[in-house]
Amino acid sequence: MSGPAAPPAVAQALAHLQAERVDSIIIARGGGARSDLAAWDSSIVAHAIAHCRVPVLTALGHATDRTVADQVAHGAYETPSAAAAAVVAGVEALAHQALLADARPQQAPQPDQVQQDQLARSRRRAAWATAVAVVAVVLLLAVLLP
């Protein structure tokens, strides 16, 4: 996306994704002329990313480009695949921790332990949902962004 309509469109898209209760957002856009990245240096986009309730990861422009959006994002990556790989690695780490927790010998559950087990299951479900949401967002952005 580029041009004067891009910043408000990006801010609106971020608001929409938050309303859908996604766990994270990847904003990806391929390279081009530096002027094509002007939307990503706008205050509208910077505020939308900075005030987003979920982590926003960016992969904008060429590997050497750095935008204001990258500066305020939770993480900035050189390529969309690098951003997706970071999310997948995080999900895999959570899944591994969950497997280790499930493999520990169990005692009679105490009330606090039951709550912790429920929390661990919720986190595993959220991790998998995040992975699916990230892939969906990356695909959506790939289709919507020229």
C-alpha atoms as a PDB file:
ATOM      1  CA  MET A   1       0.000   0.000   0.000  1.00  0.00           C
ATOM      2  CA  SER A   2       1.157   3.463  -0.742  1.00  0.00           C
ATOM      3  CA  GLY A   3      -0.277   6.896  -1.363  1.00  0.00           C
ATOM      4  CA  PRO A   4      -2.301   9.287   0.770  1.00  0.00           C
ATOM      5  CA  ALA A   5      -5.130   6.801   1.404  1.00  0.00           C
ATOM      6  CA  ALA A   6      -2.785   4.186   2.853  1.00  0.00           C
ATOM      7  CA  PRO A   7      -2.259   5.493   6.421  1.00  0.00           C
ATOM      8  CA  PRO A   8      -5.958   5.686   7.363  1.00  0.00           C
ATOM      9  CA  ALA A   9      -6.582   2.338   5.637  1.00  0.00           C
ATOM     10  CA  VAL A  10      -3.809   0.696   7.648  1.00  0.00           C
ATOM     11  CA  ALA A  11      -5.104   2.219  10.899  1.00  0.00           C
ATOM     12  CA  GLN A  12      -8.596   0.980  10.079  1.00  0.00           C
ATOM     13  CA  ALA A  13      -7.279  -2.503   9.238  1.00  0.00           C
ATOM     14  CA  LEU A  14      -5.440  -2.665  12.577  1.00  0.00           C
ATOM     15  CA  ALA A  15      -8.607  -1.662  14.436  1.00  0.00           C
ATOM     16  CA  HIS A  16     -10.576  -4.298  12.529  1.00  0.00           C
ATOM     17  CA  LEU A  17      -8.040  -7.040  13.301  1.00  0.00           C
ATOM     18  CA  GLN A  18      -8.078  -6.138  17.000  1.00  0.00           C
ATOM     19  CA  ALA A  19     -11.868  -6.368  16.980  1.00  0.00           C
ATOM     20  CA  GLU A  20     -11.481  -9.879  15.543  1.00  0.00           C
ATOM     21  CA  ARG A  21      -9.388 -10.699  18.630  1.00  0.00           C
ATOM     22  CA  VAL A  22      -6.295 -11.910  16.795  1.00  0.00           C
ATOM     23  CA  ASP A  23      -3.262 -12.678  18.916  1.00  0.00           C
ATOM     24  CA  SER A  24      -0.711 -10.895  16.741  1.00  0.00           C
ATOM     25  CA  ILE A  25      -0.484  -8.998  13.476  1.00  0.00           C
ATOM     26  CA  ILE A  26       2.171  -9.033  10.775  1.00  0.00           C
ATOM     27  CA  ILE A  27       2.312  -6.046   8.447  1.00  0.00           C
ATOM     28  CA  ALA A  28       4.272  -6.999   5.349  1.00  0.00           C
ATOM     29  CA  ARG A  29       5.013  -5.048   2.202  1.00  0.00           C
ATOM     30  CA  GLY A  30       7.632  -5.685  -0.422  1.00  0.00           C
ATOM     31  CA  GLY A  31      10.293  -3.233  -1.455  1.00  0.00           C
ATOM     32  CA  GLY A  32      10.144  -0.529  -4.037  1.00  0.00           C
ATOM     33  CA  ALA A  33      11.123   3.090  -4.154  1.00  0.00           C
ATOM     34  CA  ARG A  34      11.758   4.650  -0.762  1.00  0.00           C
ATOM     35  CA  SER A  35       8.917   7.082  -1.487  1.00  0.00           C
ATOM     36  CA  ASP A  36       6.528   4.103  -1.682  1.00  0.00           C
ATOM     37  CA  LEU A  37       7.167   3.534   2.021  1.00  0.00           C
ATOM     38  CA  ALA A  38       6.029   7.028   3.071  1.00  0.00           C
ATOM     39  CA  ALA A  39       2.770   5.654   4.490  1.00  0.00           C
ATOM     40  CA  TRP A  40       4.784   3.595   6.961  1.00  0.00           C
ATOM     41  CA  ASP A  41       6.478   6.754   8.242  1.00  0.00           C
ATOM     42  CA  SER A  42       3.176   8.531   8.961  1.00  0.00           C
ATOM     43  CA  SER A  43       2.021   9.469  12.440  1.00  0.00           C
ATOM     44  CA  ILE A  44      -1.380   7.840  11.806  1.00  0.00           C
ATOM     45  CA  VAL A  45       0.217   4.428  11.219  1.00  0.00           C
ATOM     46  CA  ALA A  46       2.723   4.910  14.047  1.00  0.00           C
ATOM     47  CA  HIS A  47      -0.044   5.719  16.546  1.00  0.00           C
ATOM     48  CA  ALA A  48      -2.209   2.832  15.340  1.00  0.00           C
ATOM     49  CA  ILE A  49       0.663   0.361  15.791  1.00  0.00           C
ATOM     50  CA  ALA A  50       1.833   1.820  19.107  1.00  0.00           C
ATOM     51  CA  HIS A  51      -1.675   1.692  20.573  1.00  0.00           C
ATOM     52  CA  CYS A  52      -2.490  -1.765  19.264  1.00  0.00           C
ATOM     53  CA  ARG A  53      -3.454  -4.160  22.067  1.00  0.00           C
ATOM     54  CA  VAL A  54      -1.755  -7.095  20.331  1.00  0.00           C
ATOM     55  CA  PRO A  55       1.841  -7.397  19.151  1.00  0.00           C
ATOM     56  CA  VAL A  56       2.431  -5.967  15.691  1.00  0.00           C
ATOM     57  CA  LEU A  57       5.368  -7.279  13.688  1.00  0.00           C
ATOM     58  CA  THR A  58       6.569  -5.509  10.567  1.00  0.00           C
ATOM     59  CA  ALA A  59       8.375  -6.648   7.439  1.00  0.00           C
ATOM     60  CA  LEU A  60       8.417  -3.566   5.247  1.00  0.00           C
ATOM     61  CA  GLY A  61      10.418  -2.685   2.169  1.00  0.00           C
ATOM     62  CA  HIS A  62      13.907  -3.932   1.471  1.00  0.00           C
ATOM     63  CA  ALA A  63      16.210  -5.406   4.111  1.00  0.00           C
ATOM     64  CA  THR A  64      18.007  -2.048   4.367  1.00  0.00           C
ATOM     65  CA  ASP A  65      14.827   0.029   4.790  1.00  0.00           C
ATOM     66  CA  ARG A  66      13.769   1.219   8.232  1.00  0.00           C
ATOM     67  CA  THR A  67      10.430   2.958   8.797  1.00  0.00           C
ATOM     68  CA  VAL A  68       8.734   4.622  11.743  1.00  0.00           C
ATOM     69  CA  ALA A  69       6.317   1.682  11.755  1.00  0.00           C
ATOM     70  CA  ASP A  70       9.311  -0.619  12.313  1.00  0.00           C
ATOM     71  CA  GLN A  71      10.438   1.564  15.220  1.00  0.00           C
ATOM     72  CA  VAL A  72       7.127   1.381  17.093  1.00  0.00           C
ATOM     73  CA  ALA A  73       6.283  -2.238  16.245  1.00  0.00           C
ATOM     74  CA  HIS A  74       6.785  -5.077  18.694  1.00  0.00           C
ATOM     75  CA  GLY A  75       9.304  -6.541  16.257  1.00  0.00           C
ATOM     76  CA  ALA A  76      10.693  -5.591  12.836  1.00  0.00           C
ATOM     77  CA  TYR A  77      11.925  -8.196  10.361  1.00  0.00           C
ATOM     78  CA  GLU A  78      13.700  -8.034   7.024  1.00  0.00           C
ATOM     79  CA  THR A  79      11.182 -10.257   5.207  1.00  0.00           C
ATOM     80  CA  PRO A  80       7.619 -11.499   5.698  1.00  0.00           C
ATOM     81  CA  SER A  81       8.906 -15.059   5.976  1.00  0.00           C
ATOM     82  CA  ALA A  82      11.315 -13.988   8.747  1.00  0.00           C
ATOM     83  CA  ALA A  83       8.410 -12.415  10.668  1.00  0.00           C
ATOM     84  CA  ALA A  84       6.285 -15.535  10.224  1.00  0.00           C
ATOM     85  CA  ALA A  85       9.230 -17.727  11.265  1.00  0.00           C
ATOM     86  CA  ALA A  86       9.599 -15.709  14.476  1.00  0.00           C
ATOM     87  CA  VAL A  87       5.926 -16.239  15.324  1.00  0.00           C
ATOM     88  CA  VAL A  88       6.093 -19.947  14.486  1.00  0.00           C
ATOM     89  CA  ALA A  89       9.218 -20.304  16.648  1.00  0.00           C
ATOM     90  CA  GLY A  90       7.372 -18.670  19.534  1.00  0.00           C
ATOM     91  CA  VAL A  91       4.395 -20.981  19.106  1.00  0.00           C
ATOM     92  CA  GLU A  92       6.679 -24.005  18.907  1.00  0.00           C
ATOM     93  CA  ALA A  93       8.431 -22.918  22.116  1.00  0.00           C
ATOM     94  CA  LEU A  94       5.071 -22.616  23.885  1.00  0.00           C
ATOM     95  CA  ALA A  95       3.998 -26.009  22.569  1.00  0.00           C
ATOM     96  CA  HIS A  96       7.275 -27.545  23.740  1.00  0.00           C
ATOM     97  CA  GLN A  97       6.831 -26.042  27.209  1.00  0.00           C
ATOM     98  CA  ALA A  98       3.291 -27.389  27.301  1.00  0.00           C
ATOM     99  CA  LEU A  99       4.488 -30.869  26.346  1.00  0.00           C
ATOM    100  CA  LEU A 100       7.130 -30.763  29.074  1.00  0.00           C
ATOM    101  CA  ALA A 101       4.530 -29.656  31.607  1.00  0.00           C
ATOM    102  CA  ASP A 102       2.191 -32.468  30.546  1.00  0.00           C
ATOM    103  CA  ALA A 103       4.999 -35.039  30.856  1.00  0.00           C
ATOM    104  CA  ARG A 104       5.743 -34.217  34.505  1.00  0.00           C
ATOM    105  CA  PRO A 105       4.478 -36.720  37.069  1.00  0.00           C
ATOM    106  CA  GLN A 106       1.125 -35.611  38.373  1.00  0.00           C
ATOM    107  CA  GLN A 107       0.112 -35.398  41.999  1.00  0.00           C
ATOM    108  CA  ALA A 108      -3.422 -35.078  43.218  1.00  0.00           C
ATOM    109  CA  PRO A 109      -4.356 -31.684  41.830  1.00  0.00           C
ATOM    110  CA  GLN A 110      -4.780 -28.889  44.294  1.00  0.00           C
ATOM    111  CA  PRO A 111      -7.248 -26.098  43.527  1.00  0.00           C
ATOM    112  CA  ASP A 112      -4.386 -23.824  42.436  1.00  0.00           C
ATOM    113  CA  GLN A 113      -2.967 -26.631  40.297  1.00  0.00           C
ATOM    114  CA  VAL A 114      -6.306 -27.073  38.535  1.00  0.00           C
ATOM    115  CA  GLN A 115      -6.335 -23.377  37.679  1.00  0.00           C
ATOM    116  CA  GLN A 116      -2.735 -23.576  36.450  1.00  0.00           C
ATOM    117  CA  ASP A 117      -3.587 -26.594  34.291  1.00  0.00           C
ATOM    118  CA  GLN A 118      -6.548 -24.750  32.795  1.00  0.00           C
ATOM    119  CA  LEU A 119      -4.332 -21.741  32.149  1.00  0.00           C
ATOM    120  CA  ALA A 120      -1.706 -23.931  30.464  1.00  0.00           C
ATOM    121  CA  ARG A 121      -4.355 -25.492  28.209  1.00  0.00           C
ATOM    122  CA  SER A 122      -5.689 -22.036  27.354  1.00  0.00           C
ATOM    123  CA  ARG A 123      -2.202 -20.856  26.479  1.00  0.00           C
ATOM    124  CA  ARG A 124      -1.643 -23.872  24.215  1.00  0.00           C
ATOM    125  CA  ARG A 125      -4.913 -23.172  22.422  1.00  0.00           C
ATOM    126  CA  ALA A 126      -3.987 -19.488  22.111  1.00  0.00           C
ATOM    127  CA  ALA A 127      -0.566 -20.377  20.713  1.00  0.00           C
ATOM    128  CA  TRP A 128      -2.081 -22.538  17.996  1.00  0.00           C
ATOM    129  CA  ALA A 129      -4.721 -19.897  17.279  1.00  0.00           C
ATOM    130  CA  THR A 130      -1.946 -17.309  16.975  1.00  0.00           C
ATOM    131  CA  ALA A 131      -0.111 -19.419  14.429  1.00  0.00           C
ATOM    132  CA  VAL A 132      -3.262 -19.820  12.365  1.00  0.00           C
ATOM    133  CA  ALA A 133      -4.128 -16.121  12.680  1.00  0.00           C
ATOM    134  CA  VAL A 134      -0.647 -15.042  11.642  1.00  0.00           C
ATOM    135  CA  VAL A 135      -0.728 -17.196   8.548  1.00  0.00           C
ATOM    136  CA  ALA A 136      -4.177 -15.841   7.700  1.00  0.00           C
ATOM    137  CA  VAL A 137      -3.047 -12.229   8.152  1.00  0.00           C
ATOM    138  CA  VAL A 138       0.078 -12.750   6.067  1.00  0.00           C
ATOM    139  CA  LEU A 139      -2.018 -14.257   3.295  1.00  0.00           C
ATOM    140  CA  LEU A 140      -4.585 -11.463   3.578  1.00  0.00           C
ATOM    141  CA  LEU A 141      -1.916  -8.780   3.364  1.00  0.00           C
ATOM    142  CA  ALA A 142      -0.266 -10.545   0.433  1.00  0.00           C
ATOM    143  CA  VAL A 143      -3.569 -10.395  -1.423  1.00  0.00           C
ATOM    144  CA  LEU A 144      -4.559  -6.858  -0.438  1.00  0.00           C
ATOM    145  CA  LEU A 145      -1.222  -5.110  -0.742  1.00  0.00           C
ATOM    146  CA  PRO A 146       0.121  -4.547  -4.242  1.00  0.00           C
END
